[in-house]
Amino acid sequence: MTRIERVELRLVDIPPKVRRTDAIQSFVSQETPIVAITDSDGAVGVGYSYTIGAGGSSIMRLLGDHLAPRLIGRDPERVEAIWRELEFAIHATTIGAISALALAAIDTALWDLRCKKRGLPLWIVAGGAADRRPLYTTEGGWLHIEASALVEDALAARERGFAGSKIKIGRPHVAEDHARLAAVRSALGDSYEIMTDANQGFTLDEASRRAGRFAELDLAWIEEPLPADDLDGHVRLSQSTSTPIAVGESLYSIRHFREYMAKGACNIVQVDVARIGGITPWLKVAHAAEAFDMPVCPHFLMELHVSLACAVPNGKYVEFIPQLDGLTTSHLRIENGCAVAPTTPGIGVDWDFDAVKTKRIAEADKIIVEGGMR
């Protein structure tokens, strides 16, 4: 039996590639915790998660003070047992974003190690349902972008073979949102998918109003129309519109997803591997969604989600938001508008640690070994 002998913690700060705005926030930074786990054979697995603008230092303290020390001496193959024991160790702070993001950084590192030691890519080890999934782009659809630019970006995406474009909604008046969406529909035609994302910005009455106004545009979905903890509101909205309702990036427990699916509060599951706490719970949510005949269209983290969307039979789309290109030697492979699953062993993210050093927050670095840390 191998044992975990060393855990290295790093935090890097990645600025957005373009200006990113939605109904409630602007993305000014992506603080990215990185965890490297070394076992007694000398094999290394690397995992990560992310924040949007704040919270990275809190995640690192949780990792360094409470979670990573518990890994020393453990059998890295016992991924499920480790996940459950770590979650219980911090049960007073769960369920929530900080805990989930910390657990995800460890869990993805353990899966990376597991896959590398088997000599197989994640999408095969986790299920192997398909070797590619269609892409849609979000990068050209931010809320501040005007209609003409939305159209230009969507036309370019279609030329690359992408299945659709996501456009942020939440302008002050429904007419503004409608005009932007209608311009894209008019220019791209009926066969191009238009996804929308409200980022929890509406009240129920406003979401109902806008869903009714958008019905003629045949949207692929309305994402996060209401605050994520408003389960009843999502049920009522879903019952009032034929447009699919998508949720998931702001849900942090498999039980939250169960409630949404069981009560008919959503049609599309957007479970995020970082915000659900790692690959281990992500797969559980995806398989539960299959039982409800719901597709999985994961949020963000395309470099990792391509493998997970390919692992399960109900993976439908991968969201194109490039962010790690400058810090990795691996890059998302795109063929005819589809994201192709990586073929190399591991989770499919190969870090360029020389580049990581240039963006790291040095005071967050920590190494945990048997007997203490340094």
Protein backbone atom coordinates (compact mmCIF):
# COMPACT_ATOMS: atom_id res chain seq x y z
CA MET A 1 0.00 0.00 0.00
CA THR A 2 1.30 3.43 -0.89
CA ARG A 3 1.00 6.34 1.52
CA ILE A 4 0.67 10.08 1.06
CA GLU A 5 3.99 11.57 2.13
CA ARG A 6 3.85 15.20 1.02
CA VAL A 7 1.25 17.86 0.25
CA GLU A 8 2.23 21.15 -1.39
CA LEU A 9 -0.10 24.14 -1.38
CA ARG A 10 0.10 27.11 -3.74
CA LEU A 11 -2.19 30.01 -4.56
CA VAL A 12 -2.01 31.80 -7.90
CA ASP A 13 -3.84 34.93 -9.02
CA ILE A 14 -5.02 34.81 -12.64
CA PRO A 15 -6.44 37.99 -14.19
CA PRO A 16 -9.39 37.52 -16.59
CA LYS A 17 -8.50 37.42 -20.28
CA VAL A 18 -11.28 39.92 -21.10
CA ARG A 19 -13.58 42.19 -19.14
CA ARG A 20 -16.28 40.00 -17.60
CA THR A 21 -19.53 41.42 -16.21
CA ASP A 22 -22.90 39.96 -15.32
CA ALA A 23 -26.05 41.06 -13.53
CA ILE A 24 -24.46 41.15 -10.07
CA GLN A 25 -20.67 41.40 -10.36
CA SER A 26 -17.49 41.96 -12.33
CA PHE A 27 -14.73 39.36 -12.46
CA VAL A 28 -11.54 41.08 -11.36
CA SER A 29 -9.45 38.06 -10.46
CA GLN A 30 -9.38 34.28 -10.32
CA GLU A 31 -7.57 33.16 -7.20
CA THR A 32 -6.66 29.54 -7.82
CA PRO A 33 -5.60 27.17 -5.02
CA ILE A 34 -3.34 24.38 -6.32
CA VAL A 35 -2.67 21.19 -4.33
CA ALA A 36 0.09 18.70 -5.22
CA ILE A 37 0.01 15.31 -3.46
CA THR A 38 3.05 13.01 -3.53
CA ASP A 39 2.81 9.36 -2.53
CA SER A 40 5.47 6.94 -1.29
CA ASP A 41 6.14 5.74 -4.85
CA GLY A 42 7.08 9.29 -5.81
CA ALA A 43 3.97 9.76 -7.98
CA VAL A 44 2.37 13.20 -7.91
CA GLY A 45 -1.23 14.26 -8.44
CA VAL A 46 -2.16 17.92 -8.86
CA GLY A 47 -5.59 19.40 -8.25
CA TYR A 48 -7.11 22.87 -8.08
CA SER A 49 -10.23 24.94 -7.60
CA TYR A 50 -10.95 28.67 -7.98
CA THR A 51 -12.55 31.80 -6.67
CA ILE A 52 -13.94 34.84 -8.44
CA GLY A 53 -12.17 37.82 -6.96
CA ALA A 54 -11.95 36.93 -3.26
CA GLY A 55 -11.70 34.11 -0.77
CA GLY A 56 -8.46 32.48 -1.86
CA SER A 57 -6.64 33.15 1.41
CA SER A 58 -9.52 31.62 3.40
CA ILE A 59 -9.40 28.46 1.31
CA MET A 60 -5.65 28.21 1.80
CA ARG A 61 -5.97 28.51 5.58
CA LEU A 62 -8.60 25.79 5.61
CA LEU A 63 -6.37 23.58 3.49
CA GLY A 64 -3.17 24.25 5.40
CA ASP A 65 -4.51 24.26 8.94
CA HIS A 66 -7.20 21.59 8.85
CA LEU A 67 -7.36 19.44 5.71
CA ALA A 68 -3.94 18.79 4.19
CA PRO A 69 -2.34 17.57 7.46
CA ARG A 70 -4.98 14.84 7.64
CA LEU A 71 -3.77 13.41 4.32
CA ILE A 72 -0.31 12.42 5.55
CA GLY A 73 -0.01 8.65 5.86
CA ARG A 74 -3.31 7.93 4.11
CA ASP A 75 -3.74 5.49 1.24
CA PRO A 76 -4.39 7.81 -1.75
CA GLU A 77 -6.50 5.15 -3.46
CA ARG A 78 -9.21 5.51 -0.82
CA VAL A 79 -10.63 8.62 -2.43
CA GLU A 80 -14.20 8.19 -1.20
CA ALA A 81 -13.12 7.56 2.41
CA ILE A 82 -10.79 10.55 2.39
CA TRP A 83 -13.45 12.86 0.97
CA ARG A 84 -16.01 11.84 3.57
CA GLU A 85 -13.56 12.07 6.48
CA LEU A 86 -12.34 15.51 5.43
CA GLU A 87 -15.87 16.81 5.02
CA PHE A 88 -16.80 15.50 8.47
CA ALA A 89 -13.67 17.06 9.98
CA ILE A 90 -14.95 20.50 8.95
CA HIS A 91 -18.66 19.75 9.22
CA ALA A 92 -19.26 22.91 11.27
CA THR A 93 -18.33 25.02 8.23
CA THR A 94 -20.23 23.04 5.63
CA ILE A 95 -22.24 23.27 3.44
CA GLY A 96 -20.75 26.25 1.62
CA ALA A 97 -18.36 27.65 -0.93
CA ILE A 98 -15.13 27.85 1.07
CA SER A 99 -15.35 24.26 2.30
CA ALA A 100 -16.36 22.91 -1.10
CA LEU A 101 -13.58 24.74 -2.93
CA ALA A 102 -10.99 23.46 -0.46
CA LEU A 103 -12.26 19.87 -0.68
CA ALA A 104 -12.28 20.09 -4.48
CA ALA A 105 -8.61 21.05 -4.67
CA ILE A 106 -7.68 17.93 -2.70
CA ASP A 107 -10.15 15.61 -4.39
CA THR A 108 -9.07 16.55 -7.92
CA ALA A 109 -5.44 15.98 -6.91
CA LEU A 110 -6.30 12.49 -5.65
CA TRP A 111 -8.13 11.67 -8.88
CA ASP A 112 -5.18 13.00 -10.89
CA LEU A 113 -2.87 10.71 -8.92
CA ARG A 114 -5.23 7.75 -9.32
CA CYS A 115 -5.49 8.21 -13.09
CA LYS A 116 -1.75 8.73 -13.56
CA LYS A 117 -0.93 5.55 -11.65
CA ARG A 118 -3.33 3.64 -13.88
CA GLY A 119 -1.90 5.25 -16.99
CA LEU A 120 -5.37 6.39 -18.06
CA PRO A 121 -7.17 9.72 -18.62
CA LEU A 122 -9.89 10.80 -16.21
CA TRP A 123 -12.75 10.46 -18.69
CA ILE A 124 -11.97 6.75 -19.10
CA VAL A 125 -11.47 6.02 -15.40
CA ALA A 126 -14.68 7.89 -14.49
CA GLY A 127 -16.88 6.21 -17.09
CA GLY A 128 -15.76 6.72 -20.69
CA ALA A 129 -19.17 7.53 -22.18
CA ALA A 130 -17.87 9.65 -25.09
CA ASP A 131 -14.61 11.13 -26.30
CA ARG A 132 -15.94 14.63 -27.11
CA ARG A 133 -18.75 17.05 -26.32
CA PRO A 134 -20.14 20.12 -28.16
CA LEU A 135 -18.91 23.55 -27.09
CA TYR A 136 -20.76 26.77 -26.49
CA THR A 137 -19.01 30.06 -25.80
CA THR A 138 -19.59 32.54 -23.00
CA GLU A 139 -16.57 34.77 -23.48
CA GLY A 140 -18.24 37.10 -25.99
CA GLY A 141 -21.58 37.43 -24.20
CA TRP A 142 -20.89 39.52 -21.10
CA LEU A 143 -23.52 41.98 -19.92
CA HIS A 144 -21.70 45.15 -20.93
CA ILE A 145 -21.28 44.02 -24.57
CA GLU A 146 -23.60 45.67 -27.08
CA ALA A 147 -25.79 43.82 -29.57
CA SER A 148 -23.58 44.31 -32.63
CA ALA A 149 -20.59 42.83 -30.84
CA LEU A 150 -22.69 39.93 -29.54
CA VAL A 151 -23.67 39.12 -33.11
CA GLU A 152 -20.09 39.36 -34.34
CA ASP A 153 -18.86 37.00 -31.64
CA ALA A 154 -21.67 34.50 -32.24
CA LEU A 155 -20.97 34.46 -35.97
CA ALA A 156 -17.30 33.76 -35.27
CA ALA A 157 -18.24 30.98 -32.83
CA ARG A 158 -20.53 29.35 -35.38
CA GLU A 159 -17.75 29.53 -37.95
CA ARG A 160 -15.60 27.48 -35.55
CA GLY A 161 -18.39 24.94 -35.29
CA PHE A 162 -19.61 25.90 -31.81
CA ALA A 163 -23.15 24.85 -30.98
CA GLY A 164 -24.19 28.10 -29.37
CA SER A 165 -23.43 31.25 -27.40
CA LYS A 166 -24.33 32.25 -23.86
CA ILE A 167 -25.49 35.83 -23.42
CA LYS A 168 -25.75 37.47 -20.01
CA ILE A 169 -29.08 39.04 -19.15
CA GLY A 170 -30.03 41.51 -16.45
CA ARG A 171 -30.08 44.89 -18.14
CA PRO A 172 -32.33 47.38 -16.28
CA HIS A 173 -35.34 46.79 -18.54
CA VAL A 174 -36.54 43.61 -20.20
CA ALA A 175 -36.63 45.43 -23.54
CA GLU A 176 -32.85 45.88 -23.44
CA ASP A 177 -32.24 42.19 -22.83
CA HIS A 178 -34.75 41.22 -25.50
CA ALA A 179 -33.16 43.50 -28.08
CA ARG A 180 -29.71 41.99 -27.54
CA LEU A 181 -31.01 38.43 -27.74
CA ALA A 182 -33.25 39.16 -30.74
CA ALA A 183 -30.30 40.61 -32.65
CA VAL A 184 -28.37 37.37 -32.24
CA ARG A 185 -31.37 35.21 -33.14
CA SER A 186 -32.06 37.28 -36.25
CA ALA A 187 -28.46 37.11 -37.43
CA LEU A 188 -27.76 33.45 -36.57
CA GLY A 189 -31.09 31.84 -37.42
CA ASP A 190 -33.20 29.28 -35.61
CA SER A 191 -30.69 26.42 -35.50
CA TYR A 192 -28.05 28.24 -33.44
CA GLU A 193 -28.46 27.78 -29.69
CA ILE A 194 -28.73 30.86 -27.49
CA MET A 195 -28.14 30.24 -23.80
CA THR A 196 -28.83 33.01 -21.28
CA ASP A 197 -27.56 33.61 -17.75
CA ALA A 198 -29.13 35.93 -15.16
CA ASN A 199 -26.60 35.14 -12.39
CA GLN A 200 -29.32 35.09 -9.71
CA GLY A 201 -30.22 38.67 -10.54
CA PHE A 202 -34.04 38.54 -10.74
CA THR A 203 -36.97 38.35 -8.38
CA LEU A 204 -39.61 35.76 -9.24
CA ASP A 205 -41.98 38.27 -10.81
CA GLU A 206 -39.23 39.76 -12.98
CA ALA A 207 -37.92 36.34 -13.99
CA SER A 208 -41.45 35.28 -14.99
CA ARG A 209 -41.92 38.46 -16.98
CA ARG A 210 -38.65 38.07 -18.85
CA ALA A 211 -39.14 34.38 -19.50
CA GLY A 212 -42.49 35.21 -21.09
CA ARG A 213 -40.96 37.94 -23.24
CA PHE A 214 -38.11 35.64 -24.34
CA ALA A 215 -40.35 32.69 -25.24
CA GLU A 216 -40.50 33.64 -28.93
CA LEU A 217 -36.69 33.45 -29.16
CA ASP A 218 -36.58 29.71 -28.38
CA LEU A 219 -33.72 29.92 -25.87
CA ALA A 220 -31.70 26.84 -24.94
CA TRP A 221 -32.07 27.83 -21.28
CA ILE A 222 -32.29 30.58 -18.69
CA GLU A 223 -29.52 30.04 -16.16
CA GLU A 224 -29.73 31.01 -12.49
CA PRO A 225 -32.75 33.30 -12.88
CA LEU A 226 -33.28 33.50 -9.09
CA PRO A 227 -31.15 33.29 -5.95
CA ALA A 228 -29.87 29.73 -5.70
CA ASP A 229 -31.47 29.14 -2.29
CA ASP A 230 -34.96 29.98 -3.59
CA LEU A 231 -36.07 26.43 -4.32
CA ASP A 232 -39.78 27.23 -4.27
CA GLY A 233 -39.30 30.16 -6.62
CA HIS A 234 -37.52 27.93 -9.13
CA VAL A 235 -40.36 25.41 -8.91
CA ARG A 236 -42.94 28.09 -9.64
CA LEU A 237 -40.88 29.57 -12.46
CA SER A 238 -40.24 26.19 -14.08
CA GLN A 239 -43.97 25.47 -14.03
CA SER A 240 -44.75 28.79 -15.72
CA THR A 241 -42.42 28.64 -18.75
CA SER A 242 -41.50 26.22 -21.51
CA THR A 243 -37.95 27.59 -21.58
CA PRO A 244 -35.61 25.21 -19.72
CA ILE A 245 -34.27 26.45 -16.38
CA ALA A 246 -30.61 25.70 -15.61
CA VAL A 247 -29.03 25.72 -12.16
CA GLY A 248 -26.03 24.33 -10.38
CA GLU A 249 -22.98 26.56 -10.19
CA SER A 250 -24.11 27.93 -6.82
CA LEU A 251 -25.23 24.64 -5.26
CA TYR A 252 -22.75 23.02 -2.91
CA SER A 253 -24.29 19.70 -1.91
CA ILE A 254 -25.56 16.61 -3.67
CA ARG A 255 -28.69 16.96 -1.51
CA HIS A 256 -29.36 20.44 -2.84
CA PHE A 257 -29.30 19.01 -6.36
CA ARG A 258 -31.58 16.17 -5.27
CA GLU A 259 -34.17 18.66 -4.04
CA TYR A 260 -34.05 20.71 -7.23
CA MET A 261 -34.43 17.66 -9.44
CA ALA A 262 -37.05 15.89 -7.35
CA LYS A 263 -39.27 18.98 -7.08
CA GLY A 264 -39.04 19.90 -10.77
CA ALA A 265 -37.21 23.15 -10.07
CA CYS A 266 -34.81 22.81 -13.01
CA ASN A 267 -34.39 21.12 -16.37
CA ILE A 268 -30.60 21.34 -16.82
CA VAL A 269 -27.93 20.55 -14.23
CA GLN A 270 -24.80 22.74 -14.25
CA VAL A 271 -22.85 21.10 -11.47
CA ASP A 272 -19.41 22.69 -11.02
CA VAL A 273 -16.61 20.34 -9.93
CA ALA A 274 -14.99 23.00 -7.73
CA ARG A 275 -18.16 24.24 -6.05
CA ILE A 276 -19.60 20.80 -5.37
CA GLY A 277 -16.37 19.73 -3.66
CA GLY A 278 -14.54 17.69 -6.27
CA ILE A 279 -14.83 14.91 -8.81
CA THR A 280 -16.18 12.43 -6.24
CA PRO A 281 -19.45 14.32 -5.56
CA TRP A 282 -19.62 15.69 -9.14
CA LEU A 283 -20.07 12.19 -10.52
CA LYS A 284 -22.81 11.46 -8.01
CA VAL A 285 -24.77 14.53 -9.09
CA ALA A 286 -24.31 13.69 -12.77
CA HIS A 287 -25.56 10.14 -12.30
CA ALA A 288 -28.52 11.37 -10.26
CA ALA A 289 -29.36 13.77 -13.09
CA GLU A 290 -29.32 10.84 -15.51
CA ALA A 291 -31.95 9.14 -13.36
CA PHE A 292 -34.13 12.25 -13.78
CA ASP A 293 -33.42 12.30 -17.55
CA MET A 294 -31.64 15.65 -17.20
CA PRO A 295 -28.56 16.73 -19.16
CA VAL A 296 -25.40 17.93 -17.43
CA CYS A 297 -23.83 21.13 -18.78
CA PRO A 298 -21.09 21.97 -16.26
CA HIS A 299 -20.18 25.51 -15.31
CA PHE A 300 -16.75 27.01 -16.18
CA LEU A 301 -13.44 25.04 -15.74
CA MET A 302 -13.56 23.72 -19.30
CA GLU A 303 -10.09 22.18 -19.01
CA LEU A 304 -11.37 19.79 -16.35
CA HIS A 305 -15.05 19.57 -17.22
CA VAL A 306 -14.39 18.24 -20.73
CA SER A 307 -13.24 14.99 -19.13
CA LEU A 308 -16.18 14.82 -16.74
CA ALA A 309 -18.78 15.67 -19.39
CA CYS A 310 -17.28 12.90 -21.52
CA ALA A 311 -17.26 10.44 -18.61
CA VAL A 312 -21.05 10.38 -18.19
CA PRO A 313 -23.75 9.59 -20.76
CA ASN A 314 -25.78 12.75 -20.08
CA GLY A 315 -22.94 15.23 -20.52
CA LYS A 316 -24.37 17.62 -23.13
CA TYR A 317 -22.17 20.72 -23.47
CA VAL A 318 -18.84 22.14 -22.34
CA GLU A 319 -18.65 25.88 -21.63
CA PHE A 320 -15.81 27.67 -23.44
CA ILE A 321 -14.13 30.24 -21.16
CA PRO A 322 -10.34 30.03 -21.61
CA GLN A 323 -8.44 30.89 -18.46
CA LEU A 324 -5.55 28.50 -17.81
CA ASP A 325 -3.72 28.74 -21.16
CA GLY A 326 -0.84 30.76 -19.74
CA LEU A 327 -0.26 28.43 -16.79
CA THR A 328 -0.51 24.99 -18.41
CA THR A 329 1.31 23.06 -21.10
CA SER A 330 -1.92 21.25 -21.96
CA HIS A 331 -4.63 23.08 -23.90
CA LEU A 332 -8.23 22.27 -24.73
CA ARG A 333 -8.35 20.40 -28.02
CA ILE A 334 -11.18 21.54 -30.28
CA GLU A 335 -12.36 19.69 -33.39
CA ASN A 336 -15.37 20.82 -35.42
CA GLY A 337 -16.77 22.78 -32.52
CA CYS A 338 -16.36 19.97 -30.00
CA ALA A 339 -14.12 19.74 -26.96
CA VAL A 340 -12.08 16.54 -27.27
CA ALA A 341 -11.26 14.57 -24.15
CA PRO A 342 -7.54 14.47 -23.25
CA THR A 343 -5.70 11.22 -23.94
CA THR A 344 -2.83 11.65 -21.46
CA PRO A 345 -3.03 10.03 -18.00
CA GLY A 346 -4.53 12.23 -15.29
CA ILE A 347 -7.24 14.88 -15.15
CA GLY A 348 -5.99 16.50 -18.35
CA VAL A 349 -4.46 19.63 -16.80
CA ASP A 350 -0.66 19.78 -16.97
CA TRP A 351 0.71 22.77 -15.08
CA ASP A 352 3.68 24.84 -16.19
CA PHE A 353 5.11 25.43 -12.72
CA ASP A 354 7.62 27.99 -13.97
CA ALA A 355 4.66 30.05 -15.18
CA VAL A 356 2.79 29.35 -11.95
CA LYS A 357 5.65 30.92 -9.98
CA THR A 358 5.17 34.22 -11.81
CA LYS A 359 1.56 34.51 -10.61
CA ARG A 360 1.76 32.81 -7.24
CA ILE A 361 0.98 34.55 -3.98
CA ALA A 362 4.18 33.50 -2.20
CA GLU A 363 2.96 33.90 1.38
CA ALA A 364 0.33 31.22 0.72
CA ASP A 365 2.92 28.53 -0.17
CA LYS A 366 3.02 25.65 2.28
CA ILE A 367 4.46 22.13 2.33
CA ILE A 368 3.01 19.51 4.69
CA VAL A 369 5.02 16.38 5.48
CA GLU A 370 4.97 13.81 8.26
CA GLY A 371 5.74 15.49 11.54
CA GLY A 372 4.77 19.00 10.54
CA MET A 373 4.90 21.63 7.83
CA ARG A 374 7.30 24.09 6.32
